[in-house]
All heavy atoms as atom14 arrays in JSON, in Angstrom:
{
  "sequence": "ARHLTTSMQRASAFVFAASVTVLVGASRVYLGVHYPSDVIAGILVGG",
  "atom14_mask": [
    [1, 1, 1, 1, 1, 0, 0, 0, 0, 0, 0, 0, 0, 0],
    [1, 1, 1, 1, 1, 1, 1, 1, 1, 1, 1, 0, 0, 0],
    [1, 1, 1, 1, 1, 1, 1, 1, 1, 1, 0, 0, 0, 0],
    [1, 1, 1, 1, 1, 1, 1, 1, 0, 0, 0, 0, 0, 0],
    [1, 1, 1, 1, 1, 1, 1, 0, 0, 0, 0, 0, 0, 0],
    [1, 1, 1, 1, 1, 1, 1, 0, 0, 0, 0, 0, 0, 0],
    [1, 1, 1, 1, 1, 1, 0, 0, 0, 0, 0, 0, 0, 0],
    [1, 1, 1, 1, 1, 1, 1, 1, 0, 0, 0, 0, 0, 0],
    [1, 1, 1, 1, 1, 1, 1, 1, 1, 0, 0, 0, 0, 0],
    [1, 1, 1, 1, 1, 1, 1, 1, 1, 1, 1, 0, 0, 0],
    [1, 1, 1, 1, 1, 0, 0, 0, 0, 0, 0, 0, 0, 0],
    [1, 1, 1, 1, 1, 1, 0, 0, 0, 0, 0, 0, 0, 0],
    [1, 1, 1, 1, 1, 0, 0, 0, 0, 0, 0, 0, 0, 0],
    [1, 1, 1, 1, 1, 1, 1, 1, 1, 1, 1, 0, 0, 0],
    [1, 1, 1, 1, 1, 1, 1, 0, 0, 0, 0, 0, 0, 0],
    [1, 1, 1, 1, 1, 1, 1, 1, 1, 1, 1, 0, 0, 0],
    [1, 1, 1, 1, 1, 0, 0, 0, 0, 0, 0, 0, 0, 0],
    [1, 1, 1, 1, 1, 0, 0, 0, 0, 0, 0, 0, 0, 0],
    [1, 1, 1, 1, 1, 1, 0, 0, 0, 0, 0, 0, 0, 0],
    [1, 1, 1, 1, 1, 1, 1, 0, 0, 0, 0, 0, 0, 0],
    [1, 1, 1, 1, 1, 1, 1, 0, 0, 0, 0, 0, 0, 0],
    [1, 1, 1, 1, 1, 1, 1, 0, 0, 0, 0, 0, 0, 0],
    [1, 1, 1, 1, 1, 1, 1, 1, 0, 0, 0, 0, 0, 0],
    [1, 1, 1, 1, 1, 1, 1, 0, 0, 0, 0, 0, 0, 0],
    [1, 1, 1, 1, 0, 0, 0, 0, 0, 0, 0, 0, 0, 0],
    [1, 1, 1, 1, 1, 0, 0, 0, 0, 0, 0, 0, 0, 0],
    [1, 1, 1, 1, 1, 1, 0, 0, 0, 0, 0, 0, 0, 0],
    [1, 1, 1, 1, 1, 1, 1, 1, 1, 1, 1, 0, 0, 0],
    [1, 1, 1, 1, 1, 1, 1, 0, 0, 0, 0, 0, 0, 0],
    [1, 1, 1, 1, 1, 1, 1, 1, 1, 1, 1, 1, 0, 0],
    [1, 1, 1, 1, 1, 1, 1, 1, 0, 0, 0, 0, 0, 0],
    [1, 1, 1, 1, 0, 0, 0, 0, 0, 0, 0, 0, 0, 0],
    [1, 1, 1, 1, 1, 1, 1, 0, 0, 0, 0, 0, 0, 0],
    [1, 1, 1, 1, 1, 1, 1, 1, 1, 1, 0, 0, 0, 0],
    [1, 1, 1, 1, 1, 1, 1, 1, 1, 1, 1, 1, 0, 0],
    [1, 1, 1, 1, 1, 1, 1, 0, 0, 0, 0, 0, 0, 0],
    [1, 1, 1, 1, 1, 1, 0, 0, 0, 0, 0, 0, 0, 0],
    [1, 1, 1, 1, 1, 1, 1, 1, 0, 0, 0, 0, 0, 0],
    [1, 1, 1, 1, 1, 1, 1, 0, 0, 0, 0, 0, 0, 0],
    [1, 1, 1, 1, 1, 1, 1, 1, 0, 0, 0, 0, 0, 0],
    [1, 1, 1, 1, 1, 0, 0, 0, 0, 0, 0, 0, 0, 0],
    [1, 1, 1, 1, 0, 0, 0, 0, 0, 0, 0, 0, 0, 0],
    [1, 1, 1, 1, 1, 1, 1, 1, 0, 0, 0, 0, 0, 0],
    [1, 1, 1, 1, 1, 1, 1, 1, 0, 0, 0, 0, 0, 0],
    [1, 1, 1, 1, 1, 1, 1, 0, 0, 0, 0, 0, 0, 0],
    [1, 1, 1, 1, 0, 0, 0, 0, 0, 0, 0, 0, 0, 0],
    [1, 1, 1, 1, 0, 0, 0, 0, 0, 0, 0, 0, 0, 0]
  ],
  "atom14_positions": [
    [[108.8, 55.04, -19.0], [107.53, 55.77, -18.9], [107.46, 56.61, -17.63], [106.78, 57.64, -17.57], [106.37, 54.8, -18.95], [0.0, 0.0, 0.0], [0.0, 0.0, 0.0], [0.0, 0.0, 0.0], [0.0, 0.0, 0.0], [0.0, 0.0, 0.0], [0.0, 0.0, 0.0], [0.0, 0.0, 0.0], [0.0, 0.0, 0.0], [0.0, 0.0, 0.0]],
    [[108.17, 56.16, -16.6], [108.16, 56.93, -15.32], [108.91, 58.23, -15.42], [108.8, 59.1, -14.57], [108.8, 56.05, -14.22], [108.0, 54.81, -13.95], [108.83, 53.64, -13.4], [109.55, 53.94, -12.18], [110.86, 54.03, -12.1], [111.64, 53.88, -13.19], [111.44, 54.27, -10.94], [0.0, 0.0, 0.0], [0.0, 0.0, 0.0], [0.0, 0.0, 0.0]],
    [[109.71, 58.39, -16.51], [110.51, 59.6, -16.71], [109.87, 60.52, -17.78], [110.43, 61.58, -18.04], [111.92, 59.24, -17.14], [112.71, 58.57, -16.08], [113.41, 59.23, -15.11], [112.93, 57.23, -15.83], [114.02, 58.36, -14.32], [113.71, 57.13, -14.72], [0.0, 0.0, 0.0], [0.0, 0.0, 0.0], [0.0, 0.0, 0.0], [0.0, 0.0, 0.0]],
    [[108.82, 60.05, -18.4], [108.21, 60.83, -19.48], [107.03, 61.64, -18.94], [106.4, 61.27, -17.96], [107.77, 59.89, -20.6], [108.89, 59.06, -21.2], [108.34, 58.05, -22.22], [109.96, 59.95, -21.87], [0.0, 0.0, 0.0], [0.0, 0.0, 0.0], [0.0, 0.0, 0.0], [0.0, 0.0, 0.0], [0.0, 0.0, 0.0], [0.0, 0.0, 0.0]],
    [[106.73, 62.74, -19.63], [105.8, 63.72, -19.08], [104.43, 63.72, -19.74], [103.5, 64.32, -19.18], [106.4, 65.13, -19.2], [106.72, 65.37, -20.57], [107.64, 65.24, -18.35], [0.0, 0.0, 0.0], [0.0, 0.0, 0.0], [0.0, 0.0, 0.0], [0.0, 0.0, 0.0], [0.0, 0.0, 0.0], [0.0, 0.0, 0.0], [0.0, 0.0, 0.0]],
    [[104.26, 63.06, -20.89], [102.96, 63.09, -21.56], [102.53, 61.66, -21.86], [103.33, 60.74, -22.01], [103.0, 63.86, -22.87], [103.82, 63.15, -23.85], [103.58, 65.27, -22.66], [0.0, 0.0, 0.0], [0.0, 0.0, 0.0], [0.0, 0.0, 0.0], [0.0, 0.0, 0.0], [0.0, 0.0, 0.0], [0.0, 0.0, 0.0], [0.0, 0.0, 0.0]],
    [[101.23, 61.48, -22.0], [100.68, 60.17, -22.33], [101.13, 59.71, -23.71], [101.35, 58.51, -23.92], [99.15, 60.22, -22.29], [98.68, 60.51, -20.96], [0.0, 0.0, 0.0], [0.0, 0.0, 0.0], [0.0, 0.0, 0.0], [0.0, 0.0, 0.0], [0.0, 0.0, 0.0], [0.0, 0.0, 0.0], [0.0, 0.0, 0.0], [0.0, 0.0, 0.0]],
    [[101.3, 60.65, -24.64], [101.76, 60.29, -26.0], [103.17, 59.7, -25.94], [103.48, 58.72, -26.62], [101.68, 61.5, -26.91], [102.14, 61.2, -28.34], [101.05, 59.97, -29.14], [99.54, 60.92, -29.32], [0.0, 0.0, 0.0], [0.0, 0.0, 0.0], [0.0, 0.0, 0.0], [0.0, 0.0, 0.0], [0.0, 0.0, 0.0], [0.0, 0.0, 0.0]],
    [[104.02, 60.32, -25.16], [105.37, 59.83, -25.03], [105.38, 58.42, -24.42], [106.12, 57.54, -24.9], [106.22, 60.77, -24.17], [106.51, 62.11, -24.84], [107.17, 63.09, -23.84], [107.13, 62.9, -22.65], [107.76, 64.13, -24.42], [0.0, 0.0, 0.0], [0.0, 0.0, 0.0], [0.0, 0.0, 0.0], [0.0, 0.0, 0.0], [0.0, 0.0, 0.0]],
    [[104.6, 58.23, -23.38], [104.56, 56.92, -22.72], [103.98, 55.87, -23.67], [104.49, 54.73, -23.74], [103.77, 57.0, -21.44], [104.48, 57.82, -20.36], [103.78, 57.72, -19.01], [102.55, 58.53, -19.0], [102.49, 59.8, -18.65], [103.59, 60.47, -18.31], [101.34, 60.44, -18.62], [0.0, 0.0, 0.0], [0.0, 0.0, 0.0], [0.0, 0.0, 0.0]],
    [[102.91, 56.21, -24.39], [102.33, 55.29, -25.34], [103.32, 54.91, -26.44], [103.41, 53.73, -26.84], [101.06, 55.85, -25.94], [0.0, 0.0, 0.0], [0.0, 0.0, 0.0], [0.0, 0.0, 0.0], [0.0, 0.0, 0.0], [0.0, 0.0, 0.0], [0.0, 0.0, 0.0], [0.0, 0.0, 0.0], [0.0, 0.0, 0.0], [0.0, 0.0, 0.0]],
    [[104.08, 55.87, -26.89], [105.08, 55.65, -27.93], [106.15, 54.67, -27.46], [106.61, 53.79, -28.21], [105.75, 56.95, -28.38], [104.78, 57.82, -28.93], [0.0, 0.0, 0.0], [0.0, 0.0, 0.0], [0.0, 0.0, 0.0], [0.0, 0.0, 0.0], [0.0, 0.0, 0.0], [0.0, 0.0, 0.0], [0.0, 0.0, 0.0], [0.0, 0.0, 0.0]],
    [[106.55, 54.8, -26.21], [107.55, 53.87, -25.66], [107.05, 52.44, -25.63], [107.74, 51.52, -26.01], [107.91, 54.32, -24.24], [0.0, 0.0, 0.0], [0.0, 0.0, 0.0], [0.0, 0.0, 0.0], [0.0, 0.0, 0.0], [0.0, 0.0, 0.0], [0.0, 0.0, 0.0], [0.0, 0.0, 0.0], [0.0, 0.0, 0.0], [0.0, 0.0, 0.0]],
    [[105.77, 52.28, -25.25], [105.19, 50.92, -25.22], [104.98, 50.36, -26.63], [105.23, 49.16, -26.84], [103.87, 50.93, -24.45], [104.07, 51.04, -22.97], [103.69, 52.17, -22.29], [104.62, 49.98, -22.24], [103.87, 52.29, -20.91], [104.77, 50.08, -20.89], [104.42, 51.19, -20.21], [0.0, 0.0, 0.0], [0.0, 0.0, 0.0], [0.0, 0.0, 0.0]],
    [[104.55, 51.21, -27.56], [104.37, 50.73, -28.92], [105.69, 50.3, -29.54], [105.79, 49.27, -30.2], [103.69, 51.83, -29.8], [103.75, 51.47, -31.27], [102.26, 52.06, -29.38], [0.0, 0.0, 0.0], [0.0, 0.0, 0.0], [0.0, 0.0, 0.0], [0.0, 0.0, 0.0], [0.0, 0.0, 0.0], [0.0, 0.0, 0.0], [0.0, 0.0, 0.0]],
    [[106.74, 51.08, -29.28], [108.05, 50.74, -29.8], [108.53, 49.41, -29.21], [109.01, 48.52, -29.93], [109.06, 51.84, -29.48], [110.48, 51.53, -29.91], [110.83, 51.65, -31.25], [111.42, 51.09, -29.0], [112.12, 51.36, -31.66], [112.7, 50.79, -29.4], [113.06, 50.91, -30.75], [0.0, 0.0, 0.0], [0.0, 0.0, 0.0], [0.0, 0.0, 0.0]],
    [[108.4, 49.24, -27.89], [108.84, 48.01, -27.22], [108.06, 46.81, -27.74], [108.64, 45.75, -28.03], [108.69, 48.12, -25.73], [0.0, 0.0, 0.0], [0.0, 0.0, 0.0], [0.0, 0.0, 0.0], [0.0, 0.0, 0.0], [0.0, 0.0, 0.0], [0.0, 0.0, 0.0], [0.0, 0.0, 0.0], [0.0, 0.0, 0.0], [0.0, 0.0, 0.0]],
    [[106.72, 46.96, -27.9], [105.93, 45.84, -28.39], [106.28, 45.5, -29.84], [106.33, 44.31, -30.22], [104.46, 46.21, -28.28], [0.0, 0.0, 0.0], [0.0, 0.0, 0.0], [0.0, 0.0, 0.0], [0.0, 0.0, 0.0], [0.0, 0.0, 0.0], [0.0, 0.0, 0.0], [0.0, 0.0, 0.0], [0.0, 0.0, 0.0], [0.0, 0.0, 0.0]],
    [[106.55, 46.53, -30.63], [106.9, 46.31, -32.06], [108.22, 45.53, -32.17], [108.34, 44.6, -32.96], [107.01, 47.65, -32.79], [105.78, 48.33, -32.78], [0.0, 0.0, 0.0], [0.0, 0.0, 0.0], [0.0, 0.0, 0.0], [0.0, 0.0, 0.0], [0.0, 0.0, 0.0], [0.0, 0.0, 0.0], [0.0, 0.0, 0.0], [0.0, 0.0, 0.0]],
    [[109.21, 45.92, -31.39], [110.5, 45.24, -31.41], [110.3, 43.76, -30.99], [110.84, 42.84, -31.6], [111.52, 45.92, -30.48], [112.78, 45.06, -30.35], [111.87, 47.29, -31.04], [0.0, 0.0, 0.0], [0.0, 0.0, 0.0], [0.0, 0.0, 0.0], [0.0, 0.0, 0.0], [0.0, 0.0, 0.0], [0.0, 0.0, 0.0], [0.0, 0.0, 0.0]],
    [[109.51, 43.54, -29.95], [109.25, 42.18, -29.48], [108.62, 41.34, -30.55], [109.05, 40.19, -30.8], [108.34, 42.23, -28.24], [109.0, 42.94, -27.17], [107.99, 40.84, -27.77], [0.0, 0.0, 0.0], [0.0, 0.0, 0.0], [0.0, 0.0, 0.0], [0.0, 0.0, 0.0], [0.0, 0.0, 0.0], [0.0, 0.0, 0.0], [0.0, 0.0, 0.0]],
    [[107.6, 41.86, -31.21], [106.9, 41.09, -32.25], [107.82, 40.83, -33.42], [107.86, 39.71, -34.0], [105.63, 41.85, -32.71], [105.04, 41.19, -33.96], [104.61, 41.88, -31.59], [0.0, 0.0, 0.0], [0.0, 0.0, 0.0], [0.0, 0.0, 0.0], [0.0, 0.0, 0.0], [0.0, 0.0, 0.0], [0.0, 0.0, 0.0], [0.0, 0.0, 0.0]],
    [[108.62, 41.81, -33.83], [109.52, 41.63, -34.98], [110.63, 40.63, -34.68], [111.01, 39.85, -35.55], [110.09, 43.0, -35.4], [109.1, 43.95, -36.04], [109.74, 45.33, -36.25], [108.62, 43.38, -37.39], [0.0, 0.0, 0.0], [0.0, 0.0, 0.0], [0.0, 0.0, 0.0], [0.0, 0.0, 0.0], [0.0, 0.0, 0.0], [0.0, 0.0, 0.0]],
    [[111.14, 40.64, -33.48], [112.15, 39.66, -33.09], [111.54, 38.26, -33.18], [112.14, 37.31, -33.72], [112.7, 39.92, -31.69], [113.54, 38.75, -31.19], [113.59, 41.18, -31.68], [0.0, 0.0, 0.0], [0.0, 0.0, 0.0], [0.0, 0.0, 0.0], [0.0, 0.0, 0.0], [0.0, 0.0, 0.0], [0.0, 0.0, 0.0], [0.0, 0.0, 0.0]],
    [[110.33, 38.1, -32.62], [109.66, 36.8, -32.66], [109.4, 36.36, -34.1], [109.67, 35.18, -34.47], [0.0, 0.0, 0.0], [0.0, 0.0, 0.0], [0.0, 0.0, 0.0], [0.0, 0.0, 0.0], [0.0, 0.0, 0.0], [0.0, 0.0, 0.0], [0.0, 0.0, 0.0], [0.0, 0.0, 0.0], [0.0, 0.0, 0.0], [0.0, 0.0, 0.0]],
    [[108.93, 37.27, -34.95], [108.67, 36.93, -36.34], [109.94, 36.51, -37.06], [109.93, 35.6, -37.91], [108.03, 38.11, -37.04], [0.0, 0.0, 0.0], [0.0, 0.0, 0.0], [0.0, 0.0, 0.0], [0.0, 0.0, 0.0], [0.0, 0.0, 0.0], [0.0, 0.0, 0.0], [0.0, 0.0, 0.0], [0.0, 0.0, 0.0], [0.0, 0.0, 0.0]],
    [[111.07, 37.16, -36.73], [112.34, 36.8, -37.36], [112.76, 35.39, -37.04], [113.34, 34.68, -37.86], [113.43, 37.8, -36.97], [113.85, 37.6, -35.63], [0.0, 0.0, 0.0], [0.0, 0.0, 0.0], [0.0, 0.0, 0.0], [0.0, 0.0, 0.0], [0.0, 0.0, 0.0], [0.0, 0.0, 0.0], [0.0, 0.0, 0.0], [0.0, 0.0, 0.0]],
    [[112.44, 34.93, -35.81], [112.83, 33.56, -35.42], [112.03, 32.53, -36.23], [112.57, 31.49, -36.62], [112.57, 33.37, -33.92], [113.28, 34.33, -33.03], [114.79, 34.34, -33.26], [115.42, 33.15, -32.72], [116.68, 32.78, -32.98], [117.41, 33.51, -33.81], [117.2, 31.7, -32.44], [0.0, 0.0, 0.0], [0.0, 0.0, 0.0], [0.0, 0.0, 0.0]],
    [[110.77, 32.85, -36.49], [109.95, 31.94, -37.32], [110.46, 31.99, -38.78], [110.6, 30.97, -39.43], [108.5, 32.31, -37.26], [107.63, 31.44, -38.19], [107.95, 32.18, -35.82], [0.0, 0.0, 0.0], [0.0, 0.0, 0.0], [0.0, 0.0, 0.0], [0.0, 0.0, 0.0], [0.0, 0.0, 0.0], [0.0, 0.0, 0.0], [0.0, 0.0, 0.0]],
    [[110.71, 33.17, -39.26], [111.2, 33.36, -40.64], [112.48, 32.59, -40.88], [112.66, 31.94, -41.92], [111.39, 34.83, -40.97], [111.9, 35.09, -42.36], [111.0, 35.36, -43.4], [113.26, 35.05, -42.68], [111.43, 35.59, -44.68], [113.71, 35.27, -43.95], [112.79, 35.54, -44.98], [113.23, 35.75, -46.25], [0.0, 0.0, 0.0], [0.0, 0.0, 0.0]],
    [[113.37, 32.62, -39.9], [114.68, 31.93, -40.05], [114.51, 30.41, -39.93], [115.47, 29.69, -40.16], [115.66, 32.44, -39.0], [116.06, 33.92, -39.16], [116.89, 34.36, -37.96], [116.83, 34.11, -40.47], [0.0, 0.0, 0.0], [0.0, 0.0, 0.0], [0.0, 0.0, 0.0], [0.0, 0.0, 0.0], [0.0, 0.0, 0.0], [0.0, 0.0, 0.0]],
    [[113.34, 29.93, -39.54], [113.09, 28.5, -39.47], [113.59, 27.83, -38.21], [113.63, 26.6, -38.15], [0.0, 0.0, 0.0], [0.0, 0.0, 0.0], [0.0, 0.0, 0.0], [0.0, 0.0, 0.0], [0.0, 0.0, 0.0], [0.0, 0.0, 0.0], [0.0, 0.0, 0.0], [0.0, 0.0, 0.0], [0.0, 0.0, 0.0], [0.0, 0.0, 0.0]],
    [[113.96, 28.61, -37.2], [114.54, 28.02, -36.0], [113.51, 27.86, -34.87], [113.85, 27.29, -33.83], [115.75, 28.87, -35.48], [116.86, 28.83, -36.52], [115.34, 30.3, -35.17], [0.0, 0.0, 0.0], [0.0, 0.0, 0.0], [0.0, 0.0, 0.0], [0.0, 0.0, 0.0], [0.0, 0.0, 0.0], [0.0, 0.0, 0.0], [0.0, 0.0, 0.0]],
    [[112.29, 28.38, -35.07], [111.24, 28.25, -34.07], [109.86, 28.04, -34.71], [109.61, 28.55, -35.82], [111.17, 29.48, -33.18], [112.14, 29.49, -32.06], [112.09, 28.58, -31.02], [113.19, 30.3, -31.8], [113.1, 28.8, -30.2], [113.75, 29.87, -30.63], [0.0, 0.0, 0.0], [0.0, 0.0, 0.0], [0.0, 0.0, 0.0], [0.0, 0.0, 0.0]],
    [[109.05, 27.27, -34.01], [107.63, 27.21, -34.37], [106.97, 28.53, -33.91], [107.42, 29.15, -32.95], [106.95, 26.07, -33.64], [107.4, 24.69, -34.04], [108.3, 23.98, -33.2], [106.95, 24.09, -35.2], [108.7, 22.7, -33.53], [107.36, 22.8, -35.53], [108.23, 22.12, -34.7], [108.63, 20.85, -35.04], [0.0, 0.0, 0.0], [0.0, 0.0, 0.0]],
    [[105.91, 28.95, -34.57], [105.17, 30.13, -34.07], [104.74, 29.97, -32.63], [104.74, 30.96, -31.86], [103.96, 30.2, -35.04], [104.46, 29.6, -36.32], [105.38, 28.49, -35.88], [0.0, 0.0, 0.0], [0.0, 0.0, 0.0], [0.0, 0.0, 0.0], [0.0, 0.0, 0.0], [0.0, 0.0, 0.0], [0.0, 0.0, 0.0], [0.0, 0.0, 0.0]],
    [[104.33, 28.78, -32.23], [103.91, 28.59, -30.84], [105.05, 28.77, -29.85], [104.82, 29.16, -28.71], [103.27, 27.21, -30.65], [104.14, 26.17, -31.1], [0.0, 0.0, 0.0], [0.0, 0.0, 0.0], [0.0, 0.0, 0.0], [0.0, 0.0, 0.0], [0.0, 0.0, 0.0], [0.0, 0.0, 0.0], [0.0, 0.0, 0.0], [0.0, 0.0, 0.0]],
    [[106.29, 28.49, -30.29], [107.44, 28.79, -29.43], [107.55, 30.31, -29.14], [107.8, 30.72, -28.02], [108.78, 28.37, -30.12], [108.84, 26.88, -30.37], [108.17, 26.11, -29.68], [109.61, 26.5, -31.29], [0.0, 0.0, 0.0], [0.0, 0.0, 0.0], [0.0, 0.0, 0.0], [0.0, 0.0, 0.0], [0.0, 0.0, 0.0], [0.0, 0.0, 0.0]],
    [[107.34, 31.07, -30.21], [107.43, 32.52, -30.1], [106.3, 33.08, -29.23], [106.54, 33.93, -28.34], [107.39, 33.15, -31.52], [107.19, 34.65, -31.41], [108.68, 32.83, -32.25], [0.0, 0.0, 0.0], [0.0, 0.0, 0.0], [0.0, 0.0, 0.0], [0.0, 0.0, 0.0], [0.0, 0.0, 0.0], [0.0, 0.0, 0.0], [0.0, 0.0, 0.0]],
    [[105.09, 32.59, -29.47], [103.97, 33.03, -28.63], [104.2, 32.74, -27.16], [103.97, 33.57, -26.29], [102.67, 32.4, -29.11], [102.33, 32.89, -30.52], [101.5, 32.68, -28.16], [101.17, 32.13, -31.19], [0.0, 0.0, 0.0], [0.0, 0.0, 0.0], [0.0, 0.0, 0.0], [0.0, 0.0, 0.0], [0.0, 0.0, 0.0], [0.0, 0.0, 0.0]],
    [[104.72, 31.53, -26.89], [105.01, 31.16, -25.49], [106.05, 32.07, -24.88], [105.91, 32.52, -23.72], [105.46, 29.71, -25.44], [0.0, 0.0, 0.0], [0.0, 0.0, 0.0], [0.0, 0.0, 0.0], [0.0, 0.0, 0.0], [0.0, 0.0, 0.0], [0.0, 0.0, 0.0], [0.0, 0.0, 0.0], [0.0, 0.0, 0.0], [0.0, 0.0, 0.0]],
    [[107.1, 32.38, -25.62], [108.13, 33.26, -25.12], [107.61, 34.64, -24.81], [107.95, 35.24, -23.77], [0.0, 0.0, 0.0], [0.0, 0.0, 0.0], [0.0, 0.0, 0.0], [0.0, 0.0, 0.0], [0.0, 0.0, 0.0], [0.0, 0.0, 0.0], [0.0, 0.0, 0.0], [0.0, 0.0, 0.0], [0.0, 0.0, 0.0], [0.0, 0.0, 0.0]],
    [[106.77, 35.18, -25.69], [106.21, 36.52, -25.46], [105.29, 36.52, -24.25], [105.3, 37.47, -23.45], [105.46, 36.99, -26.72], [106.46, 37.28, -27.85], [104.63, 38.24, -26.44], [105.83, 37.63, -29.19], [0.0, 0.0, 0.0], [0.0, 0.0, 0.0], [0.0, 0.0, 0.0], [0.0, 0.0, 0.0], [0.0, 0.0, 0.0], [0.0, 0.0, 0.0]],
    [[104.52, 35.45, -24.07], [103.63, 35.38, -22.9], [104.41, 35.37, -21.6], [104.11, 36.12, -20.66], [102.77, 34.13, -22.99], [101.67, 34.11, -24.06], [101.02, 32.75, -24.17], [100.62, 35.17, -23.79], [0.0, 0.0, 0.0], [0.0, 0.0, 0.0], [0.0, 0.0, 0.0], [0.0, 0.0, 0.0], [0.0, 0.0, 0.0], [0.0, 0.0, 0.0]],
    [[105.44, 34.55, -21.53], [106.25, 34.48, -20.29], [107.02, 35.78, -20.07], [107.04, 36.33, -18.94], [107.23, 33.28, -20.33], [108.12, 33.28, -19.1], [106.46, 31.97, -20.42], [0.0, 0.0, 0.0], [0.0, 0.0, 0.0], [0.0, 0.0, 0.0], [0.0, 0.0, 0.0], [0.0, 0.0, 0.0], [0.0, 0.0, 0.0], [0.0, 0.0, 0.0]],
    [[107.64, 36.31, -21.11], [108.39, 37.56, -20.96], [107.49, 38.72, -20.61], [107.83, 39.59, -19.78], [0.0, 0.0, 0.0], [0.0, 0.0, 0.0], [0.0, 0.0, 0.0], [0.0, 0.0, 0.0], [0.0, 0.0, 0.0], [0.0, 0.0, 0.0], [0.0, 0.0, 0.0], [0.0, 0.0, 0.0], [0.0, 0.0, 0.0], [0.0, 0.0, 0.0]],
    [[106.29, 38.76, -21.21], [105.34, 39.81, -20.87], [104.87, 39.72, -19.43], [104.72, 40.75, -18.76], [0.0, 0.0, 0.0], [0.0, 0.0, 0.0], [0.0, 0.0, 0.0], [0.0, 0.0, 0.0], [0.0, 0.0, 0.0], [0.0, 0.0, 0.0], [0.0, 0.0, 0.0], [0.0, 0.0, 0.0], [0.0, 0.0, 0.0], [0.0, 0.0, 0.0]]
  ]
}
């Protein structure tokens, strides 16, 4: 975001990053290797 010139570009970068994070977490629950609360905890600490 520090290299981008418009608010739309910066917002898009954050939306993309957040989307990837959520989808990775959802995949761990779908695969049966994590509880949803495990994923929420990981996102909180990483965030």
